[in-house]
Amino acid sequence: MLCEPYLLDPTAGSVHVVWHTEAPGSQHAVLVGPAVAALTEAEARAAATGPAGEGDGWRRFTADTVALSRTREDQESAVPGRAYPIVTRRPVHRHLATVTGLAAGRTPYRVVSDGTVTAAYTLAPAPPPHRPVRLLLTSDHQLKPMVPANLAKVAETAGVTFDGVLMAGDMVNAPDRASEWFDSVAEPPFFRTFARILPHSPIYPSIGNHEVMGRWSDTATLDAQFNDPQPDAWDITTYEEMFPYPRSESGGQKWWSRTIGDVHVICLFATQVWRSPHPEGRGKFQEALEDVDNPDRWGYGQFIFEPIKRGSAQFAFLEAELASAAARAARYRVVMFHHPSHGLGSHSVPPYTDPIQVVGPKSIRYEYPLADDHILRDVEPLVSAAGVHLVLNGHSHVWNRFRNAAGVHWLETSNVGNTYGAYDVTSGMSRWYPPGYVLQGDPGGLQPIVPTIAPLVRADGVPLPFVASNEITVFSLLDSAAGVVRSYRHDTRQPESPAVLFDEFPLA
């Protein structure tokens, strides 16, 4: 097995159990029931392969197997005992079993995959509407060095059983590189770092820019392919095959909604390609001079992958979903997407809008008017009018939060691995963008909120409204029973120190 099992999209009586192997194999099953944890490995294998589909205290659910279509490795991969001098197809097979007939509460389960027997984990159906829940809020793991410590402190502080893990995008770096998900020895791969939590807690992912691959090539490295999308040439196949659920009728896995207990979650696909802000070469603001006459090499600026502005299919979905009976009946409404619409980080600039191409005699430039920011102009008024309680973002590798005039909380809690800085009067830092863009503070005009319990402070004692550090990592928990979101920080330079609760705010 390439990873421990992970859980997807529970319903009132079912949940999907997913895992991966390199070889397709022939016998893959999930054993579920109160007796499962006590089975010996030999007994578990017999239960998984014998003629009876159930026994005393256990039931068997057979998995369907599909081959992932785009997983590869290359010379930049770090797979144990293997080298890939060129881009090479790496077989990965997904096994998915749908466990049905679940009663309320947690039930032990084990996966038996071609003779391999996992430890005993627990699964549960979706919590019924109006029942309080606990949700882990995270994003931007990207194989970064502090992620293992971050998730270890999650487990130490809050356990490994959550009603859901809301993942606001950017799980790995190049999504078609299989080892980034499973077994890289150079950097901490996604499923290995999450191996204590995801076998117990369903993940609800959203698409960040690092879930999107660029144009396919048989020769360019996977990183080069990742960095080479064009507006009509990009791909999220590996993401969709890894996470076939949740999904919606209109958006598939790109956008969806689910009610998790008393919380209604709406997930959107709101992200741009990342381009370098450097004033030379292909980047956010220009094409390389040598490529002006060669559109095949253009980057088209920091373009948006999937429209979210008013009039788009995704906006119509959001509008209808916010007006739905399920959303209105929920105690809390959460909207999740990757782009930090309000933020102090570097990636809140330039504005989230379609680049305006300005063609000169020997240049191609791109402009991004702040007044045309699709999230601030179109999405924020909609979520404000609908009484959304929380908007969860990622992307800038920083912790910061805001509250708009309508009472909507905006939280980015993505400082789990490294940071790209916070650009605020308290830090004294300014973004490295051209004049005319917001170089300091929130481009949306909101004031960042200083953590309520134990903010970090400057050397002169001034409290900081952010966490932006390459030593201090952050995670957040939504506790709907208490009606609060709590954020914790951990100094990785002191591994044995506990996580510190530094911020708490009420959702109401």
Protein backbone atom coordinates (compact mmCIF):
# COMPACT_ATOMS: atom_id res chain seq x y z
CA MET A 1 0.00 0.00 0.00
CA LEU A 2 1.26 3.46 -0.91
CA CYS A 3 -0.73 5.12 1.87
CA GLU A 4 -3.00 4.41 4.78
CA PRO A 5 -6.71 4.64 3.95
CA TYR A 6 -8.46 7.99 3.87
CA LEU A 7 -12.15 8.80 4.15
CA LEU A 8 -14.31 10.78 1.74
CA ASP A 9 -17.79 12.27 1.75
CA PRO A 10 -19.78 10.49 4.48
CA THR A 11 -23.56 10.46 4.23
CA ALA A 12 -26.21 9.61 6.82
CA GLY A 13 -25.34 5.91 6.53
CA SER A 14 -22.20 5.55 4.42
CA VAL A 15 -18.65 6.68 3.79
CA HIS A 16 -16.04 6.05 1.07
CA VAL A 17 -12.75 4.41 2.10
CA VAL A 18 -9.87 5.03 -0.34
CA TRP A 19 -6.26 3.84 -0.59
CA HIS A 20 -3.62 3.40 -3.28
CA THR A 21 -1.18 0.77 -4.50
CA GLU A 22 1.27 0.59 -7.40
CA ALA A 23 0.14 -2.82 -8.68
CA PRO A 24 -3.56 -3.29 -9.43
CA GLY A 25 -3.78 -6.46 -7.35
CA SER A 26 -6.92 -8.52 -7.19
CA GLN A 27 -8.27 -8.63 -3.64
CA HIS A 28 -9.02 -5.36 -1.91
CA ALA A 29 -11.63 -5.01 0.80
CA VAL A 30 -12.66 -3.13 3.92
CA LEU A 31 -13.74 -5.01 7.04
CA VAL A 32 -16.11 -3.07 9.28
CA GLY A 33 -17.59 -3.90 12.66
CA PRO A 34 -17.00 -4.09 16.40
CA ALA A 35 -15.00 -7.34 16.13
CA VAL A 36 -12.58 -6.07 13.47
CA ALA A 37 -9.96 -4.59 15.80
CA ALA A 38 -9.50 -7.93 17.61
CA LEU A 39 -9.00 -10.02 14.45
CA THR A 40 -5.53 -11.42 13.91
CA GLU A 41 -3.96 -10.63 10.55
CA ALA A 42 -4.64 -14.20 9.42
CA GLU A 43 -8.29 -13.90 10.48
CA ALA A 44 -8.58 -10.55 8.71
CA ARG A 45 -7.18 -12.03 5.49
CA ALA A 46 -9.60 -14.93 5.70
CA ALA A 47 -12.53 -12.58 6.27
CA ALA A 48 -11.46 -10.42 3.32
CA THR A 49 -11.10 -13.34 0.88
CA GLY A 50 -13.47 -16.06 2.09
CA PRO A 51 -16.88 -16.95 0.64
CA ALA A 52 -18.84 -15.22 3.42
CA GLY A 53 -19.35 -11.48 3.16
CA GLU A 54 -19.96 -11.10 6.88
CA GLY A 55 -19.35 -12.85 10.17
CA ASP A 56 -19.67 -12.43 13.88
CA GLY A 57 -19.12 -8.70 14.41
CA TRP A 58 -17.82 -7.84 10.96
CA ARG A 59 -18.96 -7.06 7.40
CA ARG A 60 -16.91 -6.97 4.21
CA PHE A 61 -17.05 -4.28 1.52
CA THR A 62 -15.15 -4.94 -1.72
CA ALA A 63 -13.27 -2.08 -3.37
CA ASP A 64 -13.40 -1.02 -6.99
CA THR A 65 -10.00 -0.41 -8.57
CA VAL A 66 -9.05 2.20 -11.17
CA ALA A 67 -5.68 3.26 -12.51
CA LEU A 68 -4.75 6.92 -12.12
CA SER A 69 -4.07 8.24 -15.58
CA ARG A 70 -1.37 10.90 -15.16
CA THR A 71 0.90 9.98 -12.23
CA ARG A 72 4.59 10.14 -13.14
CA GLU A 73 8.08 10.64 -11.73
CA ASP A 74 11.13 12.46 -13.06
CA GLN A 75 14.73 13.38 -12.26
CA GLU A 76 13.53 15.61 -9.42
CA SER A 77 11.66 12.79 -7.68
CA ALA A 78 13.01 11.17 -4.53
CA VAL A 79 11.59 7.65 -4.45
CA PRO A 80 13.32 5.11 -2.20
CA GLY A 81 15.64 2.84 -4.18
CA ARG A 82 14.69 4.25 -7.58
CA ALA A 83 15.99 6.84 -10.00
CA TYR A 84 14.09 8.42 -12.88
CA PRO A 85 16.47 10.11 -15.34
CA ILE A 86 13.55 11.22 -17.50
CA VAL A 87 9.82 11.75 -17.03
CA THR A 88 8.46 8.25 -16.47
CA ARG A 89 4.97 6.92 -16.00
CA ARG A 90 4.49 5.58 -12.48
CA PRO A 91 1.50 3.27 -12.01
CA VAL A 92 -0.82 4.19 -9.17
CA HIS A 93 -4.10 2.36 -8.58
CA ARG A 94 -6.95 3.75 -6.52
CA HIS A 95 -9.10 1.38 -4.50
CA LEU A 96 -12.44 2.72 -3.29
CA ALA A 97 -14.93 0.86 -1.15
CA THR A 98 -18.24 2.39 -0.15
CA VAL A 99 -19.18 1.30 3.34
CA THR A 100 -22.97 1.35 3.84
CA GLY A 101 -25.46 0.61 6.59
CA LEU A 102 -23.56 2.54 9.23
CA ALA A 103 -25.14 3.30 12.57
CA ALA A 104 -24.45 6.51 14.46
CA GLY A 105 -21.13 6.71 16.23
CA ARG A 106 -17.71 5.34 15.38
CA THR A 107 -17.13 1.84 14.08
CA PRO A 108 -13.76 0.06 13.78
CA TYR A 109 -12.50 -0.85 10.30
CA ARG A 110 -9.43 -2.31 8.65
CA VAL A 111 -8.29 -2.46 5.05
CA VAL A 112 -7.03 -5.74 3.61
CA SER A 113 -5.23 -5.09 0.34
CA ASP A 114 -3.71 -8.09 -1.45
CA GLY A 115 -2.70 -9.59 1.86
CA THR A 116 -1.59 -6.39 3.57
CA VAL A 117 -3.67 -5.73 6.69
CA THR A 118 -3.78 -2.23 8.15
CA ALA A 119 -4.14 -1.26 11.76
CA ALA A 120 -7.65 -0.76 13.08
CA TYR A 121 -9.08 2.71 12.48
CA THR A 122 -12.57 4.12 12.99
CA LEU A 123 -15.13 5.58 10.61
CA ALA A 124 -18.54 7.16 11.05
CA PRO A 125 -21.47 8.34 8.98
CA ALA A 126 -22.02 12.05 8.52
CA PRO A 127 -23.24 13.72 11.69
CA PRO A 128 -26.95 14.52 11.50
CA PRO A 129 -28.03 18.12 10.82
CA HIS A 130 -27.98 20.36 13.87
CA ARG A 131 -25.45 18.17 15.73
CA PRO A 132 -22.35 20.13 16.82
CA VAL A 133 -19.10 19.20 15.07
CA ARG A 134 -15.34 19.70 15.20
CA LEU A 135 -13.55 20.62 11.99
CA LEU A 136 -9.81 20.94 11.40
CA LEU A 137 -9.00 23.97 9.21
CA THR A 138 -5.76 23.80 7.21
CA SER A 139 -4.14 24.32 3.80
CA ASP A 140 -0.88 24.70 1.88
CA HIS A 141 1.04 21.68 3.12
CA GLN A 142 3.11 21.43 -0.09
CA LEU A 143 5.69 19.04 1.42
CA LYS A 144 6.97 21.89 3.60
CA PRO A 145 9.29 21.09 6.48
CA MET A 146 7.06 22.10 9.41
CA VAL A 147 4.02 20.08 8.29
CA PRO A 148 4.87 16.88 10.23
CA ALA A 149 5.31 18.88 13.44
CA ASN A 150 2.11 20.78 12.73
CA LEU A 151 -0.01 17.65 12.34
CA ALA A 152 1.67 15.95 15.29
CA LYS A 153 0.59 18.89 17.44
CA VAL A 154 -2.92 18.67 16.00
CA ALA A 155 -3.10 15.06 17.16
CA GLU A 156 -1.56 15.86 20.53
CA THR A 157 -3.86 18.83 21.13
CA ALA A 158 -7.17 17.76 19.62
CA GLY A 159 -6.88 14.05 18.79
CA VAL A 160 -7.21 12.39 15.40
CA THR A 161 -10.99 12.07 15.05
CA PHE A 162 -12.68 15.07 13.49
CA ASP A 163 -16.01 15.39 11.75
CA GLY A 164 -14.10 16.80 8.81
CA VAL A 165 -10.78 18.23 7.65
CA LEU A 166 -11.36 21.36 5.57
CA MET A 167 -8.33 21.62 3.28
CA ALA A 168 -8.22 24.97 1.49
CA GLY A 169 -5.94 23.79 -1.32
CA ASP A 170 -2.26 23.25 -2.15
CA MET A 171 -1.68 19.77 -0.80
CA VAL A 172 1.50 19.04 -2.79
CA ASN A 173 3.64 20.96 -5.30
CA ALA A 174 3.38 19.19 -8.66
CA PRO A 175 0.22 17.07 -8.44
CA ASP A 176 1.17 14.55 -11.12
CA ARG A 177 4.37 13.57 -9.24
CA ALA A 178 3.20 10.46 -7.37
CA SER A 179 5.95 10.51 -4.75
CA GLU A 180 4.79 13.90 -3.46
CA TRP A 181 1.58 12.22 -2.35
CA PHE A 182 3.04 8.95 -1.07
CA ASP A 183 6.70 8.25 -0.52
CA SER A 184 9.14 11.08 -1.22
CA VAL A 185 12.20 10.83 1.02
CA ALA A 186 13.39 14.36 0.25
CA GLU A 187 10.32 16.12 1.65
CA PRO A 188 7.33 15.01 3.76
CA PRO A 189 4.70 13.55 1.38
CA PHE A 190 1.06 14.45 1.87
CA PHE A 191 -0.54 11.17 2.91
CA ARG A 192 2.37 10.12 5.12
CA THR A 193 2.20 13.31 7.18
CA PHE A 194 -1.58 12.92 7.48
CA ALA A 195 -1.42 9.18 8.28
CA ARG A 196 -2.67 9.57 11.87
CA ILE A 197 -5.69 11.73 11.01
CA LEU A 198 -7.15 10.94 7.58
CA PRO A 199 -7.86 7.23 8.31
CA HIS A 200 -10.30 8.48 10.99
CA SER A 201 -11.45 11.87 9.68
CA PRO A 202 -12.97 12.61 6.26
CA ILE A 203 -11.14 15.17 4.17
CA TYR A 204 -13.07 17.89 2.34
CA PRO A 205 -10.56 19.37 -0.13
CA SER A 206 -10.65 22.41 -2.37
CA ILE A 207 -8.52 23.17 -5.39
CA GLY A 208 -5.53 25.46 -5.04
CA ASN A 209 -3.10 26.45 -7.75
CA HIS A 210 -0.90 23.46 -6.81
CA GLU A 211 -3.67 21.03 -7.70
CA VAL A 212 -3.48 22.28 -11.32
CA MET A 213 -0.98 20.96 -13.87
CA GLY A 214 0.02 22.84 -16.99
CA ARG A 215 0.61 21.59 -20.49
CA TRP A 216 1.60 17.95 -20.90
CA SER A 217 5.11 17.17 -22.14
CA ASP A 218 7.06 13.97 -22.65
CA THR A 219 10.38 15.72 -22.06
CA ALA A 220 9.97 18.72 -19.73
CA THR A 221 10.28 18.07 -16.01
CA LEU A 222 7.09 17.81 -13.98
CA ASP A 223 7.86 21.13 -12.29
CA ALA A 224 8.26 22.75 -15.71
CA GLN A 225 4.94 21.26 -16.83
CA PHE A 226 3.26 22.45 -13.63
CA ASN A 227 4.51 25.98 -14.32
CA ASP A 228 3.34 25.99 -17.94
CA PRO A 229 -0.45 26.28 -18.04
CA GLN A 230 -2.26 28.55 -20.46
CA PRO A 231 -5.87 29.74 -20.13
CA ASP A 232 -7.17 26.91 -22.33
CA ALA A 233 -4.52 24.31 -21.40
CA TRP A 234 -4.47 23.16 -17.79
CA ASP A 235 -5.44 20.00 -16.01
CA ILE A 236 -6.77 18.80 -12.62
CA THR A 237 -7.11 15.12 -13.53
CA THR A 238 -4.90 13.74 -10.75
CA TYR A 239 -6.76 15.77 -8.13
CA GLU A 240 -10.12 14.55 -9.46
CA GLU A 241 -8.95 10.93 -9.51
CA MET A 242 -7.49 11.17 -5.99
CA PHE A 243 -10.60 12.81 -4.58
CA PRO A 244 -13.66 11.64 -6.55
CA TYR A 245 -15.88 13.00 -3.76
CA PRO A 246 -17.38 15.39 -2.69
CA ARG A 247 -18.84 16.58 -5.95
CA SER A 248 -21.82 18.50 -7.30
CA GLU A 249 -23.97 18.08 -10.36
CA SER A 250 -22.88 21.36 -11.93
CA GLY A 251 -19.24 21.51 -10.86
CA GLY A 252 -18.11 17.95 -10.24
CA GLN A 253 -15.21 18.09 -7.79
CA LYS A 254 -14.44 21.71 -8.70
CA TRP A 255 -17.22 23.11 -6.55
CA TRP A 256 -19.64 21.44 -4.16
CA SER A 257 -21.51 21.83 -0.87
CA ARG A 258 -22.12 19.59 2.13
CA THR A 259 -23.87 19.89 5.47
CA ILE A 260 -21.62 18.55 8.22
CA GLY A 261 -23.73 18.47 11.36
CA ASP A 262 -24.77 22.05 12.11
CA VAL A 263 -22.24 23.54 9.63
CA HIS A 264 -23.01 24.03 5.94
CA VAL A 265 -19.81 24.12 3.85
CA ILE A 266 -19.64 25.51 0.33
CA CYS A 267 -16.40 24.86 -1.55
CA LEU A 268 -15.38 26.90 -4.61
CA PHE A 269 -12.62 26.74 -7.22
CA ALA A 270 -11.11 30.20 -6.83
CA THR A 271 -7.43 30.29 -7.70
CA GLN A 272 -5.04 31.73 -10.25
CA VAL A 273 -1.85 30.44 -11.75
CA TRP A 274 1.11 31.76 -9.78
CA ARG A 275 3.54 33.85 -11.78
CA SER A 276 6.75 35.51 -10.65
CA PRO A 277 6.50 39.22 -9.74
CA HIS A 278 10.01 39.76 -11.13
CA PRO A 279 9.98 42.65 -13.64
CA GLU A 280 11.86 40.62 -16.25
CA GLY A 281 10.91 37.41 -18.04
CA ARG A 282 7.53 35.70 -18.09
CA GLY A 283 5.66 36.76 -14.97
CA LYS A 284 2.63 38.39 -13.41
CA PHE A 285 3.13 41.68 -15.18
CA GLN A 286 4.77 40.92 -18.53
CA GLU A 287 5.86 38.35 -21.07
CA ALA A 288 9.55 37.74 -21.67
CA LEU A 289 10.87 40.12 -24.29
CA GLU A 290 12.23 37.25 -26.37
CA ASP A 291 8.76 35.65 -26.44
CA VAL A 292 6.68 38.65 -27.53
CA ASP A 293 6.22 37.23 -31.02
CA ASN A 294 5.70 33.65 -29.86
CA PRO A 295 2.24 33.17 -28.23
CA ASP A 296 3.00 29.50 -27.59
CA ARG A 297 5.48 30.63 -24.93
CA TRP A 298 3.27 33.25 -23.31
CA GLY A 299 2.14 32.84 -19.71
CA TYR A 300 -0.85 35.20 -20.10
CA GLY A 301 -0.16 36.80 -16.75
CA GLN A 302 -1.69 35.57 -13.52
CA PHE A 303 -4.86 34.32 -15.14
CA ILE A 304 -7.85 32.79 -13.34
CA PHE A 305 -8.43 29.07 -13.93
CA GLU A 306 -12.19 28.89 -13.40
CA PRO A 307 -14.51 31.94 -13.57
CA ILE A 308 -16.18 32.93 -10.33
CA LYS A 309 -17.42 36.39 -11.26
CA ARG A 310 -21.07 37.33 -11.54
CA GLY A 311 -22.60 35.61 -14.57
CA SER A 312 -20.39 32.53 -14.36
CA ALA A 313 -21.67 29.01 -13.68
CA GLN A 314 -19.76 28.92 -10.40
CA PHE A 315 -21.27 32.19 -9.20
CA ALA A 316 -24.74 30.89 -10.04
CA PHE A 317 -24.00 27.77 -7.98
CA LEU A 318 -22.87 29.85 -5.02
CA GLU A 319 -25.90 32.12 -5.27
CA ALA A 320 -28.33 29.19 -5.39
CA GLU A 321 -26.52 27.29 -2.65
CA LEU A 322 -26.56 30.21 -0.23
CA ALA A 323 -30.31 30.51 -0.76
CA SER A 324 -30.91 26.77 -0.31
CA ALA A 325 -32.92 25.33 2.55
CA ALA A 326 -29.87 23.38 3.77
CA ALA A 327 -27.73 26.51 4.01
CA ARG A 328 -30.45 28.54 5.68
CA ALA A 329 -31.21 25.82 8.21
CA ALA A 330 -27.58 25.36 9.28
CA ARG A 331 -26.39 27.01 12.45
CA TYR A 332 -23.21 28.11 10.68
CA ARG A 333 -22.32 28.71 7.03
CA VAL A 334 -18.73 28.38 5.82
CA VAL A 335 -17.40 29.19 2.36
CA MET A 336 -13.98 27.73 1.47
CA PHE A 337 -11.70 28.57 -1.44
CA HIS A 338 -7.97 28.96 -1.95
CA HIS A 339 -7.35 32.58 -2.90
CA PRO A 340 -6.87 34.99 0.05
CA SER A 341 -9.38 37.65 -0.84
CA HIS A 342 -8.54 39.60 2.32
CA GLY A 343 -4.98 39.19 3.53
CA LEU A 344 -1.62 40.56 4.56
CA GLY A 345 0.36 38.01 2.55
CA SER A 346 2.18 38.50 -0.71
CA HIS A 347 -0.41 36.49 -2.69
CA SER A 348 -3.30 38.87 -1.94
CA VAL A 349 -1.79 41.07 -4.68
CA PRO A 350 -2.35 41.60 -7.58
CA PRO A 351 -6.18 41.69 -7.50
CA TYR A 352 -8.17 38.57 -8.35
CA THR A 353 -9.26 39.59 -11.82
CA ASP A 354 -8.66 38.75 -15.46
CA PRO A 355 -5.36 40.28 -16.58
CA ILE A 356 -5.70 43.15 -19.03
CA GLN A 357 -3.17 42.63 -21.78
CA VAL A 358 -1.43 45.79 -22.96
CA VAL A 359 0.48 45.25 -26.21
CA GLY A 360 3.32 47.62 -27.06
CA PRO A 361 5.60 47.68 -30.08
CA LYS A 362 8.08 45.35 -28.36
CA SER A 363 6.36 44.39 -25.12
CA ILE A 364 3.32 42.69 -23.62
CA ARG A 365 2.25 43.86 -20.17
CA TYR A 366 -0.58 42.84 -17.81
CA GLU A 367 -2.64 45.05 -15.51
CA TYR A 368 -5.05 44.08 -12.70
CA PRO A 369 -7.48 46.84 -11.64
CA LEU A 370 -8.43 46.58 -7.97
CA ALA A 371 -11.99 47.71 -8.72
CA ASP A 372 -12.42 44.57 -10.86
CA ASP A 373 -11.39 42.06 -8.17
CA HIS A 374 -13.98 39.29 -8.71
CA ILE A 375 -14.02 38.15 -5.09
CA LEU A 376 -14.17 41.59 -3.50
CA ARG A 377 -16.57 42.97 -6.13
CA ASP A 378 -18.90 40.01 -6.69
CA VAL A 379 -18.43 37.23 -4.12
CA GLU A 380 -18.04 39.23 -0.92
CA PRO A 381 -21.35 41.13 -1.25
CA LEU A 382 -23.11 37.83 -1.89
CA VAL A 383 -21.70 36.03 1.16
CA SER A 384 -22.29 39.12 3.29
CA ALA A 385 -25.95 39.34 2.30
CA ALA A 386 -26.43 35.62 2.91
CA GLY A 387 -25.10 35.73 6.46
CA VAL A 388 -22.04 33.56 5.90
CA HIS A 389 -20.15 33.19 9.17
CA LEU A 390 -16.70 32.24 7.93
CA VAL A 391 -14.69 32.40 4.71
CA LEU A 392 -11.68 30.06 4.83
CA ASN A 393 -8.70 30.76 2.55
CA GLY A 394 -5.08 29.75 2.05
CA HIS A 395 -2.30 30.51 -0.44
CA SER A 396 -0.08 33.10 1.30
CA HIS A 397 1.39 30.79 3.99
CA VAL A 398 0.40 33.14 6.80
CA TRP A 399 -2.13 33.28 9.61
CA ASN A 400 -4.33 36.36 9.64
CA ARG A 401 -7.98 37.13 10.06
CA PHE A 402 -10.45 39.91 9.36
CA ARG A 403 -14.11 40.78 9.93
CA ASN A 404 -16.06 42.84 7.42
CA ALA A 405 -18.86 45.30 8.13
CA ALA A 406 -21.50 42.59 7.63
CA GLY A 407 -19.89 40.42 10.32
CA VAL A 408 -18.30 37.84 7.98
CA HIS A 409 -15.04 36.44 9.35
CA TRP A 410 -12.22 35.89 6.85
CA LEU A 411 -9.51 33.50 8.01
CA GLU A 412 -6.31 32.36 6.36
CA THR A 413 -4.65 29.68 8.46
CA SER A 414 -2.04 28.37 6.04
CA ASN A 415 1.20 28.90 7.95
CA VAL A 416 1.79 25.16 8.37
CA GLY A 417 5.13 24.77 6.64
CA ASN A 418 6.83 28.01 5.75
CA THR A 419 5.90 31.62 5.12
CA TYR A 420 6.31 34.26 2.45
CA GLY A 421 5.85 37.15 4.87
CA ALA A 422 3.14 39.49 6.18
CA TYR A 423 2.98 43.00 4.76
CA ASP A 424 1.59 45.26 7.44
CA VAL A 425 2.45 48.45 9.30
CA THR A 426 3.40 46.34 12.33
CA SER A 427 5.94 44.33 10.33
CA GLY A 428 7.14 47.34 8.38
CA MET A 429 7.35 45.16 5.27
CA SER A 430 6.02 46.21 1.85
CA ARG A 431 5.13 43.99 -1.08
CA TRP A 432 7.56 44.02 -4.00
CA TYR A 433 4.99 45.03 -6.62
CA PRO A 434 4.88 47.99 -9.04
CA PRO A 435 3.45 51.34 -7.95
CA GLY A 436 -0.35 51.43 -8.05
CA TYR A 437 -0.84 48.12 -6.25
CA VAL A 438 -1.47 47.78 -2.51
CA LEU A 439 2.01 47.38 -1.10
CA GLN A 440 1.09 47.17 2.57
CA GLY A 441 -2.04 45.94 4.37
CA ASP A 442 -5.19 44.26 3.10
CA PRO A 443 -6.05 45.14 -0.51
CA GLY A 444 -9.72 44.84 0.47
CA GLY A 445 -9.37 47.62 3.00
CA LEU A 446 -10.06 45.68 6.20
CA GLN A 447 -7.96 46.01 9.34
CA PRO A 448 -6.33 42.76 10.51
CA ILE A 449 -7.46 41.56 13.93
CA VAL A 450 -4.89 41.06 16.65
CA PRO A 451 -5.19 37.57 18.19
CA THR A 452 -7.38 37.66 21.26
CA ILE A 453 -5.38 35.49 23.69
CA ALA A 454 -1.63 35.30 23.08
CA PRO A 455 -0.46 37.24 20.03
CA LEU A 456 3.13 37.24 19.01
CA VAL A 457 4.78 40.57 19.75
CA ARG A 458 7.50 42.69 18.24
CA ALA A 459 10.72 43.37 20.10
CA ASP A 460 9.19 46.62 21.38
CA GLY A 461 6.08 44.85 22.71
CA VAL A 462 3.66 45.75 19.90
CA PRO A 463 1.27 42.79 19.30
CA LEU A 464 1.27 41.40 15.77
CA PRO A 465 -1.99 40.68 13.89
CA PHE A 466 -0.45 37.73 12.05
CA VAL A 467 1.79 34.69 12.32
CA ALA A 468 4.40 34.63 9.56
CA SER A 469 7.34 32.50 10.59
CA ASN A 470 9.57 29.72 9.37
CA GLU A 471 9.79 28.27 12.89
CA ILE A 472 6.28 28.76 14.29
CA THR A 473 3.48 26.71 12.73
CA VAL A 474 -0.28 27.21 13.10
CA PHE A 475 -3.50 25.19 12.93
CA SER A 476 -7.13 26.10 13.57
CA LEU A 477 -10.18 24.22 14.85
CA LEU A 478 -13.84 25.05 14.34
CA ASP A 479 -15.86 23.94 17.38
CA SER A 480 -19.52 24.47 16.56
CA ALA A 481 -20.70 23.31 20.01
CA ALA A 482 -18.96 26.35 21.50
CA GLY A 483 -19.56 28.41 18.36
CA VAL A 484 -15.91 29.41 18.08
CA VAL A 485 -12.80 29.05 15.93
CA ARG A 486 -9.60 28.49 17.90
CA SER A 487 -6.10 28.90 16.49
CA TYR A 488 -2.99 27.31 17.97
CA ARG A 489 0.69 27.92 17.34
CA HIS A 490 3.70 25.72 18.00
CA ASP A 491 7.35 26.70 18.02
CA THR A 492 9.14 23.90 16.19
CA ARG A 493 12.43 24.98 17.79
CA GLN A 494 10.99 23.57 21.04
CA PRO A 495 9.59 20.21 19.84
CA GLU A 496 8.37 19.09 23.27
CA SER A 497 6.53 22.31 24.02
CA PRO A 498 2.72 22.21 23.81
CA ALA A 499 0.72 24.05 21.20
CA VAL A 500 -0.38 27.49 22.45
CA LEU A 501 -3.94 28.69 22.02
CA PHE A 502 -3.34 32.21 20.75
CA ASP A 503 -6.65 33.26 19.20
CA GLU A 504 -10.33 32.49 19.64
CA PHE A 505 -13.30 34.20 18.11
CA PRO A 506 -17.05 33.54 18.10
CA LEU A 507 -18.66 32.73 14.78
CA ALA A 508 -21.94 34.43 15.62
